[in-house]
Amino acid sequence: MHFITGGAFNGKAKWVRSFYKIKERDDVIWISAYKHQALPMMLHDFGKDLVVLEGAEQWVREISVRSDLKGFREEWKNVLRNWHLWETESPERTLVIIGADITKGIVPVKKEHRNWRDCTGWAFQDIVGLADRVDLIWYGIGQRLK
């Protein structure tokens, strides 16, 4: 699992396209929350070895809106378990998760926005715990963290 994070509009997707040479591959599926594509609970159906999930913080928001914090944690960990299982079933498979860091700055006033921010922080920590590689992208420049 490879996790890429950084600020909004800081070049994360472009960096991933370059790093994985996406244009030269035919074994890739790119799923984006920014294009209102649904959170894939299972990855087996795609039949691709490289799955890129873009906009993780948006899918976190969807779950956090319909769940309390405990329910969110349970559902998110279940999703991650499914993704991790898919990836570890074959050495050719790679899951790339891209998520914008929304946890910095001023704490939101609205409770639902604070919950989203908190859930995103927990979700990203869970991803990092499973990830083999983590990169932080700021202004198009990558810094490997793990």
Protein backbone atom coordinates (compact mmCIF):
# COMPACT_ATOMS: atom_id res chain seq x y z
CA MET A 1 0.00 0.00 0.00
CA HIS A 2 1.27 3.45 -0.90
CA PHE A 3 -0.22 6.55 0.73
CA ILE A 4 0.24 10.00 -0.74
CA THR A 5 -0.87 13.07 1.17
CA GLY A 6 -0.28 16.81 1.16
CA GLY A 7 -2.19 20.01 0.73
CA ALA A 8 -5.13 20.47 -1.62
CA PHE A 9 -4.08 21.29 -5.18
CA ASN A 10 -0.42 20.59 -4.41
CA GLY A 11 0.22 18.14 -7.24
CA LYS A 12 -0.47 14.79 -5.57
CA ALA A 13 -2.29 13.26 -8.57
CA LYS A 14 0.30 14.55 -11.02
CA TRP A 15 3.07 13.12 -8.84
CA VAL A 16 1.35 9.71 -8.74
CA ARG A 17 0.85 9.71 -12.53
CA SER A 18 4.55 10.38 -13.00
CA PHE A 19 5.80 8.01 -10.28
CA TYR A 20 3.76 5.06 -11.55
CA LYS A 21 4.04 5.99 -15.25
CA ILE A 22 0.25 5.77 -15.53
CA LYS A 23 0.08 6.76 -19.21
CA GLU A 24 2.28 3.80 -20.15
CA ARG A 25 0.23 1.19 -18.30
CA ASP A 26 -2.97 -0.66 -19.06
CA ASP A 27 -3.31 -2.40 -15.69
CA VAL A 28 -4.53 0.68 -13.78
CA ILE A 29 -7.89 1.81 -12.50
CA TRP A 30 -8.18 5.33 -11.06
CA ILE A 31 -11.18 5.96 -8.81
CA SER A 32 -11.78 9.52 -7.64
CA ALA A 33 -14.04 10.82 -4.91
CA TYR A 34 -13.62 14.22 -6.56
CA LYS A 35 -15.55 12.85 -9.55
CA HIS A 36 -18.24 11.55 -7.18
CA GLN A 37 -17.21 7.94 -7.69
CA ALA A 38 -18.31 5.69 -4.85
CA LEU A 39 -15.95 4.37 -2.22
CA PRO A 40 -14.98 0.89 -3.39
CA MET A 41 -15.41 -1.51 -0.50
CA MET A 42 -13.84 -4.37 -2.46
CA LEU A 43 -11.15 -4.13 -5.15
CA HIS A 44 -11.44 -7.61 -6.68
CA ASP A 45 -14.04 -6.58 -9.25
CA PHE A 46 -11.72 -4.23 -11.13
CA GLY A 47 -9.33 -6.87 -12.46
CA LYS A 48 -6.36 -4.47 -12.36
CA ASP A 49 -3.03 -4.77 -10.55
CA LEU A 50 -2.70 -1.06 -9.74
CA VAL A 51 -5.64 0.64 -8.08
CA VAL A 52 -5.45 4.37 -7.34
CA LEU A 53 -8.01 5.80 -4.93
CA GLU A 54 -8.05 9.59 -5.01
CA GLY A 55 -9.80 11.82 -2.48
CA ALA A 56 -9.76 9.58 0.59
CA GLU A 57 -10.77 12.49 2.82
CA GLN A 58 -14.03 12.83 0.85
CA TRP A 59 -14.93 9.18 1.41
CA VAL A 60 -14.05 9.62 5.09
CA ARG A 61 -16.53 12.49 5.17
CA GLU A 62 -19.29 10.33 3.69
CA ILE A 63 -18.80 7.70 6.37
CA SER A 64 -18.44 10.23 9.20
CA VAL A 65 -21.73 11.94 8.28
CA ARG A 66 -23.76 8.75 8.59
CA SER A 67 -21.97 7.26 11.63
CA ASP A 68 -21.01 8.19 15.13
CA LEU A 69 -17.29 8.18 15.86
CA LYS A 70 -17.24 4.55 17.05
CA GLY A 71 -19.24 3.44 14.01
CA PHE A 72 -16.89 5.35 11.75
CA ARG A 73 -13.83 3.62 13.22
CA GLU A 74 -15.38 0.18 12.78
CA GLU A 75 -16.50 0.79 9.19
CA TRP A 76 -13.20 2.39 8.16
CA LYS A 77 -11.10 -0.42 9.63
CA ASN A 78 -13.29 -2.94 7.79
CA VAL A 79 -12.74 -1.11 4.48
CA LEU A 80 -8.97 -1.01 5.08
CA ARG A 81 -8.94 -4.72 5.96
CA ASN A 82 -10.63 -5.53 2.64
CA TRP A 83 -8.21 -3.34 0.68
CA HIS A 84 -5.17 -4.75 2.46
CA LEU A 85 -6.36 -8.32 1.88
CA TRP A 86 -6.80 -7.63 -1.85
CA GLU A 87 -3.30 -6.22 -2.10
CA THR A 88 -1.59 -9.00 -0.17
CA GLU A 89 -3.26 -11.78 -2.20
CA SER A 90 -0.87 -11.14 -5.08
CA PRO A 91 2.64 -9.63 -5.17
CA GLU A 92 1.79 -7.79 -8.43
CA ARG A 93 -0.97 -5.77 -6.79
CA THR A 94 -0.48 -2.24 -5.51
CA LEU A 95 -3.01 0.02 -3.88
CA VAL A 96 -2.29 3.75 -4.00
CA ILE A 97 -4.38 6.00 -1.76
CA ILE A 98 -4.30 9.77 -2.22
CA GLY A 99 -5.73 12.00 0.49
CA ALA A 100 -5.59 15.74 1.04
CA ASP A 101 -4.43 16.78 4.49
CA ILE A 102 -7.33 18.69 6.04
CA THR A 103 -6.12 18.34 9.64
CA LYS A 104 -3.99 21.47 9.84
CA GLY A 105 -5.08 25.03 10.48
CA ILE A 106 -8.01 26.43 12.39
CA VAL A 107 -10.29 23.95 14.15
CA PRO A 108 -13.72 24.11 12.48
CA VAL A 109 -16.60 25.64 14.43
CA LYS A 110 -19.28 23.21 13.24
CA LYS A 111 -19.33 19.85 15.01
CA GLU A 112 -19.75 17.86 11.78
CA HIS A 113 -16.69 19.55 10.28
CA ARG A 114 -14.65 18.85 13.45
CA ASN A 115 -15.77 15.21 13.31
CA TRP A 116 -14.73 14.99 9.65
CA ARG A 117 -11.33 16.48 10.47
CA ASP A 118 -10.85 14.08 13.41
CA CYS A 119 -11.99 11.07 11.39
CA THR A 120 -9.65 12.03 8.56
CA GLY A 121 -6.73 12.19 10.99
CA TRP A 122 -7.57 8.74 12.37
CA ALA A 123 -8.17 7.30 8.91
CA PHE A 124 -4.84 8.60 7.61
CA GLN A 125 -3.04 7.17 10.66
CA ASP A 126 -4.66 3.79 9.93
CA ILE A 127 -3.56 3.96 6.29
CA VAL A 128 0.00 4.90 7.26
CA GLY A 129 0.07 1.96 9.68
CA LEU A 130 -0.63 -0.46 6.82
CA ALA A 131 1.29 1.34 4.09
CA ASP A 132 4.66 0.15 2.86
CA ARG A 133 5.41 3.63 1.55
CA VAL A 134 4.17 7.13 2.45
CA ASP A 135 4.94 10.31 0.53
CA LEU A 136 4.11 13.91 1.38
CA ILE A 137 3.63 16.20 -1.63
CA TRP A 138 3.86 19.97 -1.28
CA TYR A 139 3.94 22.21 -4.36
CA GLY A 140 4.61 19.19 -6.56
CA ILE A 141 7.69 18.08 -4.62
CA GLY A 142 7.60 14.68 -2.98
CA GLN A 143 9.16 13.83 0.35
CA ARG A 144 9.23 10.19 1.37
CA LEU A 145 8.14 9.74 4.98
CA LYS A 146 8.08 5.95 5.17
